[in-house]
Amino acid sequence: MLPSLRALNAEAGPSRPRPPPYVPRNVERTYTGPDPASLPPKRDRSQAEKYFARVSNENILPSKWSKVIGIGGWVVGGFAVVYMALYADFGKHEHVFSPLRRAFKSYTHDLDTLSPAERSVLGMDTPPRPAPSGLSASLREPTKKPPT
């Protein structure tokens, strides 16, 4: 017969807590920064102000081409954002731009179509009137070209 779990635990003696797993550290890869003795002495405020005044270039105005490139970057970026939000193909599933696209499509559809009131004012909902009977048959039908 197999010994029970209690019998095996009794033979093993009192249980001890397991130590945490040992994770060896690679001392060669540990970087703690430069040695403080090798660093140069700290700069005082006057030296820092002199340095930043020299490198700040506040008096140099941008050239014409840098302005053109800057404005062109904003224009191209704006076009890309509008294209991605309204026209880019993200598949048939619902995505984050779907509500915006539905609103844009309904807005542009309203610009292209006439309302029912506008259609009735223009007479587009009424059927076309027949041609008056006093016209000759040649005016009602398009003329045919004679064969050449």
C-alpha atoms as a PDB file:
ATOM      1  CA  MET A   1       0.000   0.000   0.000  1.00  0.00           C
ATOM      2  CA  LEU A   2       1.213   3.507  -0.788  1.00  0.00           C
ATOM      3  CA  PRO A   3       2.072   5.813   2.119  1.00  0.00           C
ATOM      4  CA  SER A   4      -0.292   8.720   2.670  1.00  0.00           C
ATOM      5  CA  LEU A   5       0.708  12.319   2.262  1.00  0.00           C
ATOM      6  CA  ARG A   6       0.645  12.833   6.039  1.00  0.00           C
ATOM      7  CA  ALA A   7       3.068   9.985   6.562  1.00  0.00           C
ATOM      8  CA  LEU A   8       5.451  11.423   3.976  1.00  0.00           C
ATOM      9  CA  ASN A   9       5.271  14.883   5.583  1.00  0.00           C
ATOM     10  CA  ALA A  10       5.893  13.406   9.044  1.00  0.00           C
ATOM     11  CA  GLU A  11       9.036  11.669   7.795  1.00  0.00           C
ATOM     12  CA  ALA A  12      10.312  14.875   6.153  1.00  0.00           C
ATOM     13  CA  GLY A  13      10.200  16.839   9.413  1.00  0.00           C
ATOM     14  CA  PRO A  14       8.999  20.377  10.019  1.00  0.00           C
ATOM     15  CA  SER A  15       8.573  22.507   6.911  1.00  0.00           C
ATOM     16  CA  ARG A  16      10.777  25.537   6.364  1.00  0.00           C
ATOM     17  CA  PRO A  17       9.897  28.585   4.309  1.00  0.00           C
ATOM     18  CA  ARG A  18      11.457  28.517   0.876  1.00  0.00           C
ATOM     19  CA  PRO A  19      14.026  31.209   0.174  1.00  0.00           C
ATOM     20  CA  PRO A  20      13.240  33.614  -2.666  1.00  0.00           C
ATOM     21  CA  PRO A  21      14.601  32.497  -5.997  1.00  0.00           C
ATOM     22  CA  TYR A  22      18.129  33.632  -6.612  1.00  0.00           C
ATOM     23  CA  VAL A  23      18.490  35.908  -9.614  1.00  0.00           C
ATOM     24  CA  PRO A  24      22.145  36.334 -10.513  1.00  0.00           C
ATOM     25  CA  ARG A  25      23.060  39.817 -11.692  1.00  0.00           C
ATOM     26  CA  ASN A  26      25.528  40.352 -14.438  1.00  0.00           C
ATOM     27  CA  VAL A  27      28.011  42.727 -12.842  1.00  0.00           C
ATOM     28  CA  GLU A  28      29.625  43.613 -16.176  1.00  0.00           C
ATOM     29  CA  ARG A  29      26.339  45.029 -17.508  1.00  0.00           C
ATOM     30  CA  THR A  30      25.388  47.013 -14.437  1.00  0.00           C
ATOM     31  CA  TYR A  31      25.971  50.724 -15.047  1.00  0.00           C
ATOM     32  CA  THR A  32      25.754  53.128 -12.155  1.00  0.00           C
ATOM     33  CA  GLY A  33      26.899  56.272 -13.953  1.00  0.00           C
ATOM     34  CA  PRO A  34      30.248  58.010 -14.173  1.00  0.00           C
ATOM     35  CA  ASP A  35      32.630  58.194 -11.291  1.00  0.00           C
ATOM     36  CA  PRO A  36      31.933  61.465  -9.411  1.00  0.00           C
ATOM     37  CA  ALA A  37      35.669  62.172  -9.209  1.00  0.00           C
ATOM     38  CA  SER A  38      35.928  62.201 -13.026  1.00  0.00           C
ATOM     39  CA  LEU A  39      33.182  64.819 -13.473  1.00  0.00           C
ATOM     40  CA  PRO A  40      34.167  68.454 -14.064  1.00  0.00           C
ATOM     41  CA  PRO A  41      33.351  70.982 -11.336  1.00  0.00           C
ATOM     42  CA  LYS A  42      29.851  72.514 -11.360  1.00  0.00           C
ATOM     43  CA  ARG A  43      29.372  75.694 -13.342  1.00  0.00           C
ATOM     44  CA  ASP A  44      28.170  78.844 -11.647  1.00  0.00           C
ATOM     45  CA  ARG A  45      25.155  80.853 -12.848  1.00  0.00           C
ATOM     46  CA  SER A  46      27.177  83.461 -14.764  1.00  0.00           C
ATOM     47  CA  GLN A  47      28.929  80.780 -16.835  1.00  0.00           C
ATOM     48  CA  ALA A  48      25.584  79.126 -17.614  1.00  0.00           C
ATOM     49  CA  GLU A  49      24.014  82.435 -18.700  1.00  0.00           C
ATOM     50  CA  LYS A  50      27.007  83.200 -20.912  1.00  0.00           C
ATOM     51  CA  TYR A  51      26.766  79.763 -22.577  1.00  0.00           C
ATOM     52  CA  PHE A  52      23.008  79.935 -23.239  1.00  0.00           C
ATOM     53  CA  ALA A  53      23.301  83.508 -24.554  1.00  0.00           C
ATOM     54  CA  ARG A  54      25.900  82.303 -27.026  1.00  0.00           C
ATOM     55  CA  VAL A  55      23.951  79.279 -28.305  1.00  0.00           C
ATOM     56  CA  SER A  56      20.383  80.608 -28.190  1.00  0.00           C
ATOM     57  CA  ASN A  57      20.487  82.405 -31.608  1.00  0.00           C
ATOM     58  CA  GLU A  58      17.541  84.666 -30.739  1.00  0.00           C
ATOM     59  CA  ASN A  59      18.717  87.381 -33.093  1.00  0.00           C
ATOM     60  CA  ILE A  60      18.813  85.192 -36.220  1.00  0.00           C
ATOM     61  CA  LEU A  61      15.632  85.509 -38.286  1.00  0.00           C
ATOM     62  CA  PRO A  62      14.315  82.505 -40.221  1.00  0.00           C
ATOM     63  CA  SER A  63      14.952  82.542 -43.949  1.00  0.00           C
ATOM     64  CA  LYS A  64      12.238  82.578 -46.603  1.00  0.00           C
ATOM     65  CA  TRP A  65      12.736  78.900 -47.369  1.00  0.00           C
ATOM     66  CA  SER A  66      12.524  77.830 -43.759  1.00  0.00           C
ATOM     67  CA  LYS A  67       9.181  79.657 -43.514  1.00  0.00           C
ATOM     68  CA  VAL A  68       7.929  78.000 -46.701  1.00  0.00           C
ATOM     69  CA  ILE A  69       9.011  74.581 -45.467  1.00  0.00           C
ATOM     70  CA  GLY A  70       7.370  75.179 -42.082  1.00  0.00           C
ATOM     71  CA  ILE A  71       4.046  76.257 -43.591  1.00  0.00           C
ATOM     72  CA  GLY A  72       4.220  73.469 -46.165  1.00  0.00           C
ATOM     73  CA  GLY A  73       4.707  70.919 -43.419  1.00  0.00           C
ATOM     74  CA  TRP A  74       1.564  72.115 -41.649  1.00  0.00           C
ATOM     75  CA  VAL A  75      -0.415  72.033 -44.911  1.00  0.00           C
ATOM     76  CA  VAL A  76       0.747  68.525 -45.835  1.00  0.00           C
ATOM     77  CA  GLY A  77       0.156  67.300 -42.287  1.00  0.00           C
ATOM     78  CA  GLY A  78      -3.349  68.784 -42.234  1.00  0.00           C
ATOM     79  CA  PHE A  79      -4.163  67.199 -45.592  1.00  0.00           C
ATOM     80  CA  ALA A  80      -2.906  63.835 -44.351  1.00  0.00           C
ATOM     81  CA  VAL A  81      -5.054  64.039 -41.214  1.00  0.00           C
ATOM     82  CA  VAL A  82      -8.188  64.938 -43.199  1.00  0.00           C
ATOM     83  CA  TYR A  83      -7.514  62.189 -45.735  1.00  0.00           C
ATOM     84  CA  MET A  84      -6.943  59.539 -43.059  1.00  0.00           C
ATOM     85  CA  ALA A  85     -10.045  60.569 -41.118  1.00  0.00           C
ATOM     86  CA  LEU A  86     -12.449  60.881 -44.055  1.00  0.00           C
ATOM     87  CA  TYR A  87     -11.230  58.760 -46.966  1.00  0.00           C
ATOM     88  CA  ALA A  88      -8.577  56.156 -46.056  1.00  0.00           C
ATOM     89  CA  ASP A  89      -9.715  52.533 -46.248  1.00  0.00           C
ATOM     90  CA  PHE A  90      -9.646  50.823 -42.860  1.00  0.00           C
ATOM     91  CA  GLY A  91     -11.847  47.903 -43.930  1.00  0.00           C
ATOM     92  CA  LYS A  92     -15.581  47.368 -43.626  1.00  0.00           C
ATOM     93  CA  HIS A  93     -15.636  47.024 -39.841  1.00  0.00           C
ATOM     94  CA  GLU A  94     -16.577  49.873 -37.499  1.00  0.00           C
ATOM     95  CA  HIS A  95     -13.594  52.027 -36.488  1.00  0.00           C
ATOM     96  CA  VAL A  96     -12.901  55.244 -34.644  1.00  0.00           C
ATOM     97  CA  PHE A  97     -13.530  57.452 -37.695  1.00  0.00           C
ATOM     98  CA  SER A  98     -16.889  55.874 -38.659  1.00  0.00           C
ATOM     99  CA  PRO A  99     -19.125  58.423 -36.835  1.00  0.00           C
ATOM    100  CA  LEU A 100     -17.145  61.310 -38.341  1.00  0.00           C
ATOM    101  CA  ARG A 101     -17.401  59.780 -41.805  1.00  0.00           C
ATOM    102  CA  ARG A 102     -21.182  59.280 -41.460  1.00  0.00           C
ATOM    103  CA  ALA A 103     -21.652  62.913 -40.395  1.00  0.00           C
ATOM    104  CA  PHE A 104     -19.421  64.146 -43.240  1.00  0.00           C
ATOM    105  CA  LYS A 105     -21.254  61.996 -45.787  1.00  0.00           C
ATOM    106  CA  SER A 106     -24.683  63.263 -44.686  1.00  0.00           C
ATOM    107  CA  TYR A 107     -23.414  66.859 -44.787  1.00  0.00           C
ATOM    108  CA  THR A 108     -21.956  66.544 -48.284  1.00  0.00           C
ATOM    109  CA  HIS A 109     -25.059  64.637 -49.465  1.00  0.00           C
ATOM    110  CA  ASP A 110     -27.197  67.570 -48.284  1.00  0.00           C
ATOM    111  CA  LEU A 111     -25.008  69.927 -50.326  1.00  0.00           C
ATOM    112  CA  ASP A 112     -25.423  67.872 -53.517  1.00  0.00           C
ATOM    113  CA  THR A 113     -29.184  67.189 -53.354  1.00  0.00           C
ATOM    114  CA  LEU A 114     -32.293  69.332 -53.284  1.00  0.00           C
ATOM    115  CA  SER A 115     -34.820  69.245 -50.484  1.00  0.00           C
ATOM    116  CA  PRO A 116     -38.423  68.207 -51.352  1.00  0.00           C
ATOM    117  CA  ALA A 117     -39.542  71.845 -51.106  1.00  0.00           C
ATOM    118  CA  GLU A 118     -36.805  72.927 -53.533  1.00  0.00           C
ATOM    119  CA  ARG A 119     -37.693  70.100 -55.925  1.00  0.00           C
ATOM    120  CA  SER A 120     -41.365  71.118 -55.985  1.00  0.00           C
ATOM    121  CA  VAL A 121     -40.467  74.784 -56.621  1.00  0.00           C
ATOM    122  CA  LEU A 122     -38.348  73.762 -59.600  1.00  0.00           C
ATOM    123  CA  GLY A 123     -41.068  71.372 -60.855  1.00  0.00           C
ATOM    124  CA  MET A 124     -38.829  68.310 -60.705  1.00  0.00           C
ATOM    125  CA  ASP A 125     -41.430  66.105 -58.982  1.00  0.00           C
ATOM    126  CA  THR A 126     -44.138  66.617 -61.607  1.00  0.00           C
ATOM    127  CA  PRO A 127     -44.170  64.315 -64.633  1.00  0.00           C
ATOM    128  CA  PRO A 128     -43.014  65.859 -67.902  1.00  0.00           C
ATOM    129  CA  ARG A 129     -45.761  67.343 -70.087  1.00  0.00           C
ATOM    130  CA  PRO A 130     -46.411  65.794 -73.469  1.00  0.00           C
ATOM    131  CA  ALA A 131     -45.368  67.765 -76.517  1.00  0.00           C
ATOM    132  CA  PRO A 132     -48.071  69.980 -77.979  1.00  0.00           C
ATOM    133  CA  SER A 133     -50.061  68.284 -80.744  1.00  0.00           C
ATOM    134  CA  GLY A 134     -49.574  71.157 -83.172  1.00  0.00           C
ATOM    135  CA  LEU A 135     -45.891  70.281 -83.702  1.00  0.00           C
ATOM    136  CA  SER A 136     -44.896  68.156 -86.609  1.00  0.00           C
ATOM    137  CA  ALA A 137     -43.656  64.639 -86.050  1.00  0.00           C
ATOM    138  CA  SER A 138     -40.180  65.624 -87.214  1.00  0.00           C
ATOM    139  CA  LEU A 139     -39.805  68.017 -84.283  1.00  0.00           C
ATOM    140  CA  ARG A 140     -40.911  65.414 -81.727  1.00  0.00           C
ATOM    141  CA  GLU A 141     -38.420  62.764 -82.846  1.00  0.00           C
ATOM    142  CA  PRO A 142     -34.724  63.232 -83.351  1.00  0.00           C
ATOM    143  CA  THR A 143     -33.670  63.347 -86.954  1.00  0.00           C
ATOM    144  CA  LYS A 144     -31.890  60.333 -88.375  1.00  0.00           C
ATOM    145  CA  LYS A 145     -28.756  60.760 -90.426  1.00  0.00           C
ATOM    146  CA  PRO A 146     -28.932  59.300 -93.880  1.00  0.00           C
ATOM    147  CA  PRO A 147     -26.593  56.363 -94.471  1.00  0.00           C
ATOM    148  CA  THR A 148     -23.389  57.304 -96.231  1.00  0.00           C
END
